C-alpha atoms as a PDB file:
ATOM      1  CA  MET A   1      60.532 131.528  -1.822  1.00  0.00           C
ATOM      2  CA  PRO A   2      60.235 127.995  -2.229  1.00  0.00           C
ATOM      3  CA  VAL A   3      57.418 126.443   0.898  1.00  0.00           C
ATOM      4  CA  ILE A   4      57.179 122.344   1.842  1.00  0.00           C
ATOM      5  CA  VAL A   5      54.085 121.808   2.845  1.00  0.00           C
ATOM      6  CA  GLY A   6      51.790 118.125   3.585  1.00  0.00           C
ATOM      7  CA  PRO A   7      50.759 116.229   6.327  1.00  0.00           C
ATOM      8  CA  THR A   8      52.846 114.521   8.866  1.00  0.00           C
ATOM      9  CA  ALA A   9      55.583 111.548   7.875  1.00  0.00           C
ATOM     10  CA  VAL A  10      55.032 112.740   4.138  1.00  0.00           C
ATOM     11  CA  GLY A  11      58.792 113.430   3.523  1.00  0.00           C
ATOM     12  CA  LYS A  12      58.997 116.953   3.820  1.00  0.00           C
ATOM     13  CA  THR A  13      62.235 117.620   5.812  1.00  0.00           C
ATOM     14  CA  ALA A  14      64.133 114.535   3.568  1.00  0.00           C
ATOM     15  CA  LEU A  15      62.945 116.608   0.490  1.00  0.00           C
ATOM     16  CA  ALA A  16      64.858 120.079   2.389  1.00  0.00           C
ATOM     17  CA  VAL A  17      68.067 117.873   2.867  1.00  0.00           C
ATOM     18  CA  ALA A  18      67.603 116.856  -0.748  1.00  0.00           C
ATOM     19  CA  LEU A  19      67.462 120.624  -1.982  1.00  0.00           C
ATOM     20  CA  ALA A  20      70.813 121.380   0.315  1.00  0.00           C
ATOM     21  CA  ARG A  21      72.357 118.715  -2.019  1.00  0.00           C
ATOM     22  CA  HIS A  22      71.852 121.343  -4.770  1.00  0.00           C
ATOM     23  CA  TRP A  23      71.254 124.941  -2.986  1.00  0.00           C
ATOM     24  CA  PRO A  24      72.720 126.836  -0.290  1.00  0.00           C
ATOM     25  CA  ILE A  25      69.912 126.641   2.131  1.00  0.00           C
ATOM     26  CA  VAL A  26      68.404 127.738   5.480  1.00  0.00           C
ATOM     27  CA  VAL A  27      65.297 125.614   6.311  1.00  0.00           C
ATOM     28  CA  ILE A  28      62.553 127.430   8.364  1.00  0.00           C
ATOM     29  CA  SER A  29      60.783 125.035  10.127  1.00  0.00           C
ATOM     30  CA  ALA A  30      57.162 126.116  10.572  1.00  0.00           C
ATOM     31  CA  ASP A  31      55.582 123.489  13.142  1.00  0.00           C
ATOM     32  CA  SER A  32      53.846 124.177  16.067  1.00  0.00           C
ATOM     33  CA  ARG A  33      55.263 120.726  17.741  1.00  0.00           C
ATOM     34  CA  GLN A  34      59.034 121.480  16.708  1.00  0.00           C
ATOM     35  CA  VAL A  35      59.044 124.595  18.847  1.00  0.00           C
ATOM     36  CA  TYR A  36      59.347 122.863  21.854  1.00  0.00           C
ATOM     37  CA  ARG A  37      62.151 121.554  23.941  1.00  0.00           C
ATOM     38  CA  GLY A  38      62.986 118.488  24.712  1.00  0.00           C
ATOM     39  CA  LEU A  39      59.902 117.143  22.957  1.00  0.00           C
ATOM     40  CA  ASP A  40      62.170 115.364  20.190  1.00  0.00           C
ATOM     41  CA  LEU A  41      60.317 111.839  19.655  1.00  0.00           C
ATOM     42  CA  GLY A  42      57.317 112.127  18.243  1.00  0.00           C
ATOM     43  CA  THR A  43      57.495 115.647  16.575  1.00  0.00           C
ATOM     44  CA  GLY A  44      59.171 114.765  13.272  1.00  0.00           C
ATOM     45  CA  LYS A  45      62.369 116.930  14.319  1.00  0.00           C
ATOM     46  CA  PRO A  46      65.541 116.489  11.839  1.00  0.00           C
ATOM     47  CA  SER A  47      67.991 114.474  13.432  1.00  0.00           C
ATOM     48  CA  SER A  48      71.554 115.789  14.621  1.00  0.00           C
ATOM     49  CA  ASN A  49      72.764 114.805  11.213  1.00  0.00           C
ATOM     50  CA  GLU A  50      70.567 116.310   9.045  1.00  0.00           C
ATOM     51  CA  ARG A  51      71.137 119.566  11.351  1.00  0.00           C
ATOM     52  CA  VAL A  52      74.780 119.660  10.887  1.00  0.00           C
ATOM     53  CA  ARG A  53      74.677 119.220   7.361  1.00  0.00           C
ATOM     54  CA  VAL A  54      71.694 121.739   6.856  1.00  0.00           C
ATOM     55  CA  PRO A  55      71.011 124.954   9.410  1.00  0.00           C
ATOM     56  CA  HIS A  56      67.612 125.162  10.925  1.00  0.00           C
ATOM     57  CA  GLU A  57      65.523 128.170  12.559  1.00  0.00           C
ATOM     58  CA  GLY A  58      62.711 127.520  14.646  1.00  0.00           C
ATOM     59  CA  LEU A  59      63.226 124.497  16.393  1.00  0.00           C
ATOM     60  CA  ASP A  60      64.043 123.908  20.166  1.00  0.00           C
ATOM     61  CA  MET A  61      62.318 127.546  20.843  1.00  0.00           C
ATOM     62  CA  VAL A  62      60.652 127.098  24.121  1.00  0.00           C
ATOM     63  CA  GLN A  63      59.938 124.641  27.377  1.00  0.00           C
ATOM     64  CA  PRO A  64      56.901 122.780  27.028  1.00  0.00           C
ATOM     65  CA  GLY A  65      54.377 124.202  29.099  1.00  0.00           C
ATOM     66  CA  GLU A  66      54.895 128.002  26.910  1.00  0.00           C
ATOM     67  CA  ARG A  67      53.383 128.950  24.614  1.00  0.00           C
ATOM     68  CA  TYR A  68      54.397 130.253  21.207  1.00  0.00           C
ATOM     69  CA  SER A  69      51.852 131.551  18.763  1.00  0.00           C
ATOM     70  CA  ALA A  70      51.669 131.962  14.922  1.00  0.00           C
ATOM     71  CA  GLY A  71      52.575 135.487  15.519  1.00  0.00           C
ATOM     72  CA  ARG A  72      55.402 134.951  17.363  1.00  0.00           C
ATOM     73  CA  PHE A  73      56.595 132.739  14.752  1.00  0.00           C
ATOM     74  CA  ALA A  74      56.209 135.286  12.027  1.00  0.00           C
ATOM     75  CA  ARG A  75      58.059 137.638  13.660  1.00  0.00           C
ATOM     76  CA  ASP A  76      60.552 135.520  14.605  1.00  0.00           C
ATOM     77  CA  ALA A  77      61.057 134.273  10.792  1.00  0.00           C
ATOM     78  CA  VAL A  78      61.177 137.477   9.675  1.00  0.00           C
ATOM     79  CA  GLU A  79      64.396 138.292  11.105  1.00  0.00           C
ATOM     80  CA  TRP A  80      65.565 134.308   9.996  1.00  0.00           C
ATOM     81  CA  LEU A  81      64.822 135.745   6.882  1.00  0.00           C
ATOM     82  CA  ARG A  82      67.011 138.593   6.714  1.00  0.00           C
ATOM     83  CA  GLN A  83      70.018 136.824   8.250  1.00  0.00           C
ATOM     84  CA  ALA A  84      69.864 133.738   5.577  1.00  0.00           C
ATOM     85  CA  GLN A  85      69.843 136.581   3.040  1.00  0.00           C
ATOM     86  CA  MET A  86      73.043 138.536   4.787  1.00  0.00           C
ATOM     87  CA  ASN A  87      74.615 134.695   5.011  1.00  0.00           C
ATOM     88  CA  GLU A  88      73.840 134.091   0.882  1.00  0.00           C
ATOM     89  CA  ARG A  89      71.850 131.106   1.781  1.00  0.00           C
ATOM     90  CA  ARG A  90      68.204 130.513   0.326  1.00  0.00           C
ATOM     91  CA  PRO A  91      65.342 130.074   2.755  1.00  0.00           C
ATOM     92  CA  VAL A  92      62.811 127.558   2.773  1.00  0.00           C
ATOM     93  CA  VAL A  93      60.154 126.950   4.646  1.00  0.00           C
ATOM     94  CA  VAL A  94      59.095 123.360   5.414  1.00  0.00           C
ATOM     95  CA  GLY A  95      56.198 122.635   7.596  1.00  0.00           C
ATOM     96  CA  GLY A  96      52.992 121.310   8.386  1.00  0.00           C
ATOM     97  CA  THR A  97      51.578 123.615  10.716  1.00  0.00           C
ATOM     98  CA  GLY A  98      49.428 125.895   8.146  1.00  0.00           C
ATOM     99  CA  LEU A  99      48.611 128.833  10.695  1.00  0.00           C
ATOM    100  CA  TYR A 100      52.275 129.148  11.141  1.00  0.00           C
ATOM    101  CA  ILE A 101      52.510 129.338   7.344  1.00  0.00           C
ATOM    102  CA  ARG A 102      49.361 131.618   6.777  1.00  0.00           C
ATOM    103  CA  ALA A 103      51.404 133.902   9.858  1.00  0.00           C
ATOM    104  CA  LEU A 104      54.033 134.255   7.417  1.00  0.00           C
ATOM    105  CA  ALA A 105      52.791 134.644   4.323  1.00  0.00           C
ATOM    106  CA  ASP A 106      49.522 136.727   4.769  1.00  0.00           C
ATOM    107  CA  GLY A 107      49.856 138.268   8.600  1.00  0.00           C
ATOM    108  CA  LEU A 108      52.874 140.793   8.410  1.00  0.00           C
ATOM    109  CA  PHE A 109      50.955 143.857   8.104  1.00  0.00           C
ATOM    110  CA  ARG A 110      50.940 146.773  10.574  1.00  0.00           C
ATOM    111  CA  GLU A 111      47.408 147.360  11.231  1.00  0.00           C
ATOM    112  CA  PRO A 112      46.302 151.305  12.407  1.00  0.00           C
ATOM    113  CA  PRO A 113      45.341 151.339  15.781  1.00  0.00           C
ATOM    114  CA  LEU A 114      42.071 149.557  16.804  1.00  0.00           C
ATOM    115  CA  ASP A 115      39.595 151.724  18.980  1.00  0.00           C
ATOM    116  CA  PRO A 116      40.127 149.332  22.694  1.00  0.00           C
ATOM    117  CA  ASP A 117      36.284 149.744  23.733  1.00  0.00           C
ATOM    118  CA  ARG A 118      34.546 148.821  19.842  1.00  0.00           C
ATOM    119  CA  ARG A 119      37.242 145.791  19.830  1.00  0.00           C
ATOM    120  CA  ARG A 120      36.281 144.818  23.353  1.00  0.00           C
ATOM    121  CA  LYS A 121      32.042 144.940  21.818  1.00  0.00           C
ATOM    122  CA  LEU A 122      32.878 142.959  18.940  1.00  0.00           C
ATOM    123  CA  GLN A 123      34.901 140.320  20.822  1.00  0.00           C
ATOM    124  CA  ARG A 124      31.675 140.057  22.487  1.00  0.00           C
ATOM    125  CA  TRP A 125      29.315 140.063  20.117  1.00  0.00           C
ATOM    126  CA  ALA A 126      31.654 137.095  17.750  1.00  0.00           C
ATOM    127  CA  ALA A 127      31.984 135.081  20.935  1.00  0.00           C
ATOM    128  CA  GLY A 128      28.275 134.180  20.909  1.00  0.00           C
ATOM    129  CA  GLU A 129      27.377 135.173  16.789  1.00  0.00           C
ATOM    130  CA  PRO A 130      26.336 132.113  15.252  1.00  0.00           C
ATOM    131  CA  SER A 131      26.885 133.512  11.893  1.00  0.00           C
ATOM    132  CA  LEU A 132      30.260 134.923  12.453  1.00  0.00           C
ATOM    133  CA  ALA A 133      31.619 132.817   9.154  1.00  0.00           C
ATOM    134  CA  ARG A 134      29.341 134.875   6.344  1.00  0.00           C
ATOM    135  CA  TRP A 135      29.817 138.224   8.369  1.00  0.00           C
ATOM    136  CA  ALA A 136      33.732 137.376   7.188  1.00  0.00           C
ATOM    137  CA  THR A 137      32.684 136.894   3.932  1.00  0.00           C
ATOM    138  CA  ARG A 138      30.120 139.752   3.600  1.00  0.00           C
ATOM    139  CA  LEU A 139      32.871 141.994   5.174  1.00  0.00           C
ATOM    140  CA  ASP A 140      36.164 140.624   3.121  1.00  0.00           C
ATOM    141  CA  PRO A 141      34.942 138.658   0.011  1.00  0.00           C
ATOM    142  CA  ARG A 142      38.360 137.063  -0.074  1.00  0.00           C
ATOM    143  CA  TYR A 143      37.771 135.424   3.160  1.00  0.00           C
ATOM    144  CA  THR A 144      38.353 131.876   2.709  1.00  0.00           C
ATOM    145  CA  GLY A 145      37.478 129.870   5.770  1.00  0.00           C
ATOM    146  CA  GLY A 146      39.542 128.812   8.218  1.00  0.00           C
ATOM    147  CA  GLY A 147      37.627 128.750  12.005  1.00  0.00           C
ATOM    148  CA  ARG A 148      35.923 131.090  14.313  1.00  0.00           C
ATOM    149  CA  GLN A 149      39.343 132.770  15.306  1.00  0.00           C
ATOM    150  CA  ARG A 150      40.148 133.394  11.785  1.00  0.00           C
ATOM    151  CA  ALA A 151      36.158 134.553  10.739  1.00  0.00           C
ATOM    152  CA  ALA A 152      36.158 137.039  14.086  1.00  0.00           C
ATOM    153  CA  ARG A 153      39.773 138.767  12.722  1.00  0.00           C
ATOM    154  CA  ALA A 154      38.532 139.278   9.365  1.00  0.00           C
ATOM    155  CA  VAL A 155      35.606 141.016  11.166  1.00  0.00           C
ATOM    156  CA  GLU A 156      37.563 143.251  13.605  1.00  0.00           C
ATOM    157  CA  VAL A 157      39.943 143.828  11.003  1.00  0.00           C
ATOM    158  CA  ALA A 158      37.238 145.404   8.761  1.00  0.00           C
ATOM    159  CA  LEU A 159      35.089 147.072  10.691  1.00  0.00           C
ATOM    160  CA  LEU A 160      37.462 148.590  12.597  1.00  0.00           C
ATOM    161  CA  THR A 161      40.511 149.203  10.148  1.00  0.00           C
ATOM    162  CA  GLY A 162      37.376 150.166   6.971  1.00  0.00           C
ATOM    163  CA  GLN A 163      39.716 147.661   4.852  1.00  0.00           C
ATOM    164  CA  SER A 164      39.569 144.241   4.498  1.00  0.00           C
ATOM    165  CA  LEU A 165      41.688 141.969   5.932  1.00  0.00           C
ATOM    166  CA  SER A 166      42.693 140.156   2.807  1.00  0.00           C
ATOM    167  CA  TRP A 167      43.465 144.221   1.784  1.00  0.00           C
ATOM    168  CA  TRP A 168      45.995 144.428   4.159  1.00  0.00           C
ATOM    169  CA  GLN A 169      47.579 140.831   3.892  1.00  0.00           C
ATOM    170  CA  ARG A 170      48.131 142.199  -0.217  1.00  0.00           C
ATOM    171  CA  ALA A 171      49.909 145.235   1.081  1.00  0.00           C
ATOM    172  CA  ALA A 172      52.013 142.887   3.033  1.00  0.00           C
ATOM    173  CA  ARG A 173      52.942 140.991   0.288  1.00  0.00           C
ATOM    174  CA  ALA A 174      53.693 143.805  -1.741  1.00  0.00           C
ATOM    175  CA  GLU A 175      56.371 144.900   0.698  1.00  0.00           C
ATOM    176  CA  GLY A 176      58.097 141.513   0.121  1.00  0.00           C
ATOM    177  CA  VAL A 177      57.928 140.204   3.618  1.00  0.00           C
ATOM    178  CA  MET A 178      57.344 136.382   1.590  1.00  0.00           C
ATOM    179  CA  ARG A 179      55.803 135.775  -1.941  1.00  0.00           C
ATOM    180  CA  PRO A 180      55.269 131.696  -1.252  1.00  0.00           C
ATOM    181  CA  VAL A 181      55.671 129.386  -4.077  1.00  0.00           C
ATOM    182  CA  TYR A 182      54.341 126.096  -2.349  1.00  0.00           C
ATOM    183  CA  LEU A 183      55.549 122.651  -3.187  1.00  0.00           C
ATOM    184  CA  ARG A 184      53.176 120.571  -1.741  1.00  0.00           C
ATOM    185  CA  LEU A 185      53.425 116.856  -1.518  1.00  0.00           C
ATOM    186  CA  THR A 186      51.009 114.331  -1.293  1.00  0.00           C
ATOM    187  CA  LEU A 187      50.827 110.164  -0.839  1.00  0.00           C
ATOM    188  CA  PRO A 188      48.396 107.667  -1.627  1.00  0.00           C
ATOM    189  CA  ARG A 189      46.743 107.275   1.650  1.00  0.00           C
ATOM    190  CA  ALA A 190      47.600 103.522   2.426  1.00  0.00           C
ATOM    191  CA  VAL A 191      51.433 104.625   1.771  1.00  0.00           C
ATOM    192  CA  LEU A 192      50.620 107.508   4.294  1.00  0.00           C
ATOM    193  CA  TYR A 193      49.154 105.544   6.835  1.00  0.00           C
ATOM    194  CA  ARG A 194      52.090 102.827   6.555  1.00  0.00           C
ATOM    195  CA  ARG A 195      54.327 105.890   7.271  1.00  0.00           C
ATOM    196  CA  ILE A 196      52.759 106.678  10.127  1.00  0.00           C
ATOM    197  CA  ALA A 197      52.483 103.423  11.662  1.00  0.00           C
ATOM    198  CA  GLU A 198      56.230 102.275  10.946  1.00  0.00           C
ATOM    199  CA  ARG A 199      56.494 106.152  12.696  1.00  0.00           C
ATOM    200  CA  VAL A 200      55.111 105.308  15.544  1.00  0.00           C
ATOM    201  CA  THR A 201      56.437 101.722  16.363  1.00  0.00           C
ATOM    202  CA  ALA A 202      59.989 103.040  15.690  1.00  0.00           C
ATOM    203  CA  TRP A 203      59.129 106.349  18.393  1.00  0.00           C
ATOM    204  CA  LEU A 204      57.686 104.249  20.881  1.00  0.00           C
ATOM    205  CA  ALA A 205      60.386 101.346  20.752  1.00  0.00           C
ATOM    206  CA  ALA A 206      63.320 104.668  21.103  1.00  0.00           C
ATOM    207  CA  GLY A 207      61.578 105.708  24.328  1.00  0.00           C
ATOM    208  CA  TRP A 208      58.466 108.223  23.619  1.00  0.00           C
ATOM    209  CA  VAL A 209      56.934 107.019  26.557  1.00  0.00           C
ATOM    210  CA  ASP A 210      59.961 107.856  28.433  1.00  0.00           C
ATOM    211  CA  GLN A 211      60.310 110.948  27.160  1.00  0.00           C
ATOM    212  CA  VAL A 212      57.289 112.493  28.194  1.00  0.00           C
ATOM    213  CA  GLN A 213      57.053 111.316  31.646  1.00  0.00           C
ATOM    214  CA  ALA A 214      60.414 112.958  32.195  1.00  0.00           C
ATOM    215  CA  VAL A 215      58.586 116.114  31.203  1.00  0.00           C
ATOM    216  CA  LEU A 216      55.861 115.293  33.389  1.00  0.00           C
ATOM    217  CA  ARG A 217      58.346 114.585  36.068  1.00  0.00           C
ATOM    218  CA  GLY A 218      60.402 117.964  35.332  1.00  0.00           C
ATOM    219  CA  GLY A 219      57.280 119.966  36.741  1.00  0.00           C
ATOM    220  CA  VAL A 220      55.144 120.212  33.108  1.00  0.00           C
ATOM    221  CA  ALA A 221      51.358 120.076  33.641  1.00  0.00           C
ATOM    222  CA  ALA A 222      49.402 117.037  31.414  1.00  0.00           C
ATOM    223  CA  GLY A 223      47.773 119.254  28.750  1.00  0.00           C
ATOM    224  CA  ALA A 224      50.854 122.154  29.236  1.00  0.00           C
ATOM    225  CA  PRO A 225      51.153 123.765  25.391  1.00  0.00           C
ATOM    226  CA  GLY A 226      53.408 120.743  23.783  1.00  0.00           C
ATOM    227  CA  LEU A 227      52.018 117.892  25.738  1.00  0.00           C
ATOM    228  CA  ASP A 228      48.310 118.710  23.925  1.00  0.00           C
ATOM    229  CA  ALA A 229      49.990 117.483  20.446  1.00  0.00           C
ATOM    230  CA  VAL A 230      49.069 114.427  18.989  1.00  0.00           C
ATOM    231  CA  GLY A 231      50.645 111.612  20.643  1.00  0.00           C
ATOM    232  CA  TYR A 232      51.795 113.019  23.514  1.00  0.00           C
ATOM    233  CA  ARG A 233      48.055 113.697  25.116  1.00  0.00           C
ATOM    234  CA  GLU A 234      47.633 109.690  24.227  1.00  0.00           C
ATOM    235  CA  ILE A 235      50.919 108.858  26.039  1.00  0.00           C
ATOM    236  CA  VAL A 236      50.043 111.345  28.946  1.00  0.00           C
ATOM    237  CA  ARG A 237      46.921 109.509  29.224  1.00  0.00           C
ATOM    238  CA  ASN A 238      48.527 105.991  29.765  1.00  0.00           C
ATOM    239  CA  LEU A 239      50.815 107.120  32.289  1.00  0.00           C
ATOM    240  CA  GLN A 240      47.780 108.469  34.138  1.00  0.00           C
ATOM    241  CA  GLY A 241      46.194 104.724  33.461  1.00  0.00           C
ATOM    242  CA  ASP A 242      43.403 105.868  31.252  1.00  0.00           C
ATOM    243  CA  LEU A 243      44.907 104.408  28.155  1.00  0.00           C
ATOM    244  CA  PRO A 244      46.614 100.804  28.768  1.00  0.00           C
ATOM    245  CA  ALA A 245      49.924 100.057  27.385  1.00  0.00           C
ATOM    246  CA  ASP A 246      48.606  97.465  24.523  1.00  0.00           C
ATOM    247  CA  ASP A 247      46.335 100.204  23.203  1.00  0.00           C
ATOM    248  CA  LEU A 248      48.784 102.899  22.990  1.00  0.00           C
ATOM    249  CA  PRO A 249      49.975 102.149  19.509  1.00  0.00           C
ATOM    250  CA  ALA A 250      46.583 102.423  17.702  1.00  0.00           C
ATOM    251  CA  ALA A 251      45.750 105.240  19.556  1.00  0.00           C
ATOM    252  CA  ILE A 252      48.240 106.983  18.797  1.00  0.00           C
ATOM    253  CA  THR A 253      48.050 105.665  15.239  1.00  0.00           C
ATOM    254  CA  ALA A 254      44.415 106.697  14.800  1.00  0.00           C
ATOM    255  CA  SER A 255      44.912 109.996  16.167  1.00  0.00           C
ATOM    256  CA  THR A 256      48.001 110.638  13.252  1.00  0.00           C
ATOM    257  CA  ARG A 257      45.861 109.667  10.757  1.00  0.00           C
ATOM    258  CA  ARG A 258      42.697 112.268  11.701  1.00  0.00           C
ATOM    259  CA  TYR A 259      45.409 115.061  12.229  1.00  0.00           C
ATOM    260  CA  ALA A 260      47.368 114.443   8.817  1.00  0.00           C
ATOM    261  CA  LYS A 261      43.623 113.992   6.903  1.00  0.00           C
ATOM    262  CA  ARG A 262      43.016 117.652   8.578  1.00  0.00           C
ATOM    263  CA  GLN A 263      46.647 118.894   7.462  1.00  0.00           C
ATOM    264  CA  GLU A 264      45.738 117.487   3.721  1.00  0.00           C
ATOM    265  CA  THR A 265      42.312 119.350   4.135  1.00  0.00           C
ATOM    266  CA  TRP A 266      44.116 122.467   4.861  1.00  0.00           C
ATOM    267  CA  PHE A 267      46.851 122.795   2.395  1.00  0.00           C
ATOM    268  CA  ARG A 268      44.105 121.608  -0.204  1.00  0.00           C
ATOM    269  CA  HIS A 269      41.806 124.659   0.293  1.00  0.00           C
ATOM    270  CA  GLN A 270      43.505 127.639   1.751  1.00  0.00           C
ATOM    271  CA  LEU A 271      47.042 128.200   0.045  1.00  0.00           C
ATOM    272  CA  GLY A 272      45.003 130.908  -1.301  1.00  0.00           C
ATOM    273  CA  ASP A 273      45.914 132.680  -5.009  1.00  0.00           C
ATOM    274  CA  GLU A 274      49.555 131.537  -4.991  1.00  0.00           C
ATOM    275  CA  ALA A 275      51.387 129.079  -6.679  1.00  0.00           C
ATOM    276  CA  VAL A 276      50.896 125.528  -6.069  1.00  0.00           C
ATOM    277  CA  ILE A 277      53.282 123.001  -7.089  1.00  0.00           C
ATOM    278  CA  THR A 278      51.585 119.005  -6.269  1.00  0.00           C
ATOM    279  CA  LEU A 279      54.195 116.502  -6.189  1.00  0.00           C
ATOM    280  CA  ASP A 280      53.558 112.716  -5.462  1.00  0.00           C
ATOM    281  CA  ALA A 281      56.265 111.704  -2.464  1.00  0.00           C
ATOM    282  CA  SER A 282      56.568 108.305  -3.531  1.00  0.00           C
ATOM    283  CA  GLU A 283      59.228 109.363  -5.749  1.00  0.00           C
ATOM    284  CA  SER A 284      62.925 109.693  -3.644  1.00  0.00           C
ATOM    285  CA  PRO A 285      63.535 112.817  -2.260  1.00  0.00           C
ATOM    286  CA  ASP A 286      66.140 113.428  -4.595  1.00  0.00           C
ATOM    287  CA  THR A 287      64.006 112.731  -7.673  1.00  0.00           C
ATOM    288  CA  LEU A 288      61.446 115.108  -6.089  1.00  0.00           C
ATOM    289  CA  ALA A 289      64.169 117.961  -5.811  1.00  0.00           C
ATOM    290  CA  LEU A 290      65.556 117.579  -9.015  1.00  0.00           C
ATOM    291  CA  ARG A 291      62.269 117.952  -9.873  1.00  0.00           C
ATOM    292  CA  PHE A 292      61.500 120.961  -8.138  1.00  0.00           C
ATOM    293  CA  ILE A 293      64.512 122.899  -9.565  1.00  0.00           C
ATOM    294  CA  HIS A 294      63.811 122.290 -12.805  1.00  0.00           C
ATOM    295  CA  HIS A 295      60.483 123.639 -11.983  1.00  0.00           C
ATOM    296  CA  TRP A 296      62.453 127.042  -9.867  1.00  0.00           C
ATOM    297  CA  ASP A 297      64.705 127.220 -13.048  1.00  0.00           C
ATOM    298  CA  THR A 298      62.326 127.496 -16.018  1.00  0.00           C
ATOM    299  CA  THR A 299      59.905 129.460 -14.212  1.00  0.00           C
ATOM    300  CA  TYR A 300      61.198 131.926 -11.568  1.00  0.00           C
ATOM    301  CA  VAL A 301      64.531 132.547 -12.569  1.00  0.00           C
END
């Protein structure tokens, strides 16, 4: 299954729309910000015209303030994949949230029941263990990192089930949930940063601050899920009087650049052993689509 990944503003949605000119596809959005209704500016959601031309799943799932986890995304995505197959459409996963993609590709396994008392003890131990990543690596040689929460999960599964987390993930892949072929888009840093700055300017001009203000007036707390995302938290600070309006564009741009750098690092190191095709997104979306389709037809058909 094609999975288009890359940093924010690299052109993932444009490539998906270009692919739709050649394949009957449905896009499964793997983006932790696009799940929120009403948060359209600032999340890079496809336009209404793009959504008419190409069916999308995973958008506008919950209200701001409600949590939507990677596990919930993976469970929902299984149904979207089934519906796509029933409708004879090719599912294409598109997004920049690595944990969502990892949950769909690796996390759909049915573990045996875990002893609750032992699990609580392990969780207390993991909370204060400084060498948690080293323990995860010892218990699961295929552990590739990903933060304390993922390390704790690797330790917990290995000790309580007798099999490593990667063993369970390989078993899930063997059942055919999703065999990803990653299409990783990259751009020269200067080009990506220019795109980010231009997009921030356009979104602010289109009323991004007013959008956030309306959400806050609707009763959503500052810092609630959705409003804690890059760009939104800077606007909240502005509305609270902690960030001058003149400094807002530069603050959002700088924060988005840091976010894009983290995304690039994640996708460079965390895609595992699956097939990865890296393309320079400086080329037009149509050119990239044709390159990928040619590769797909000669390699996977």
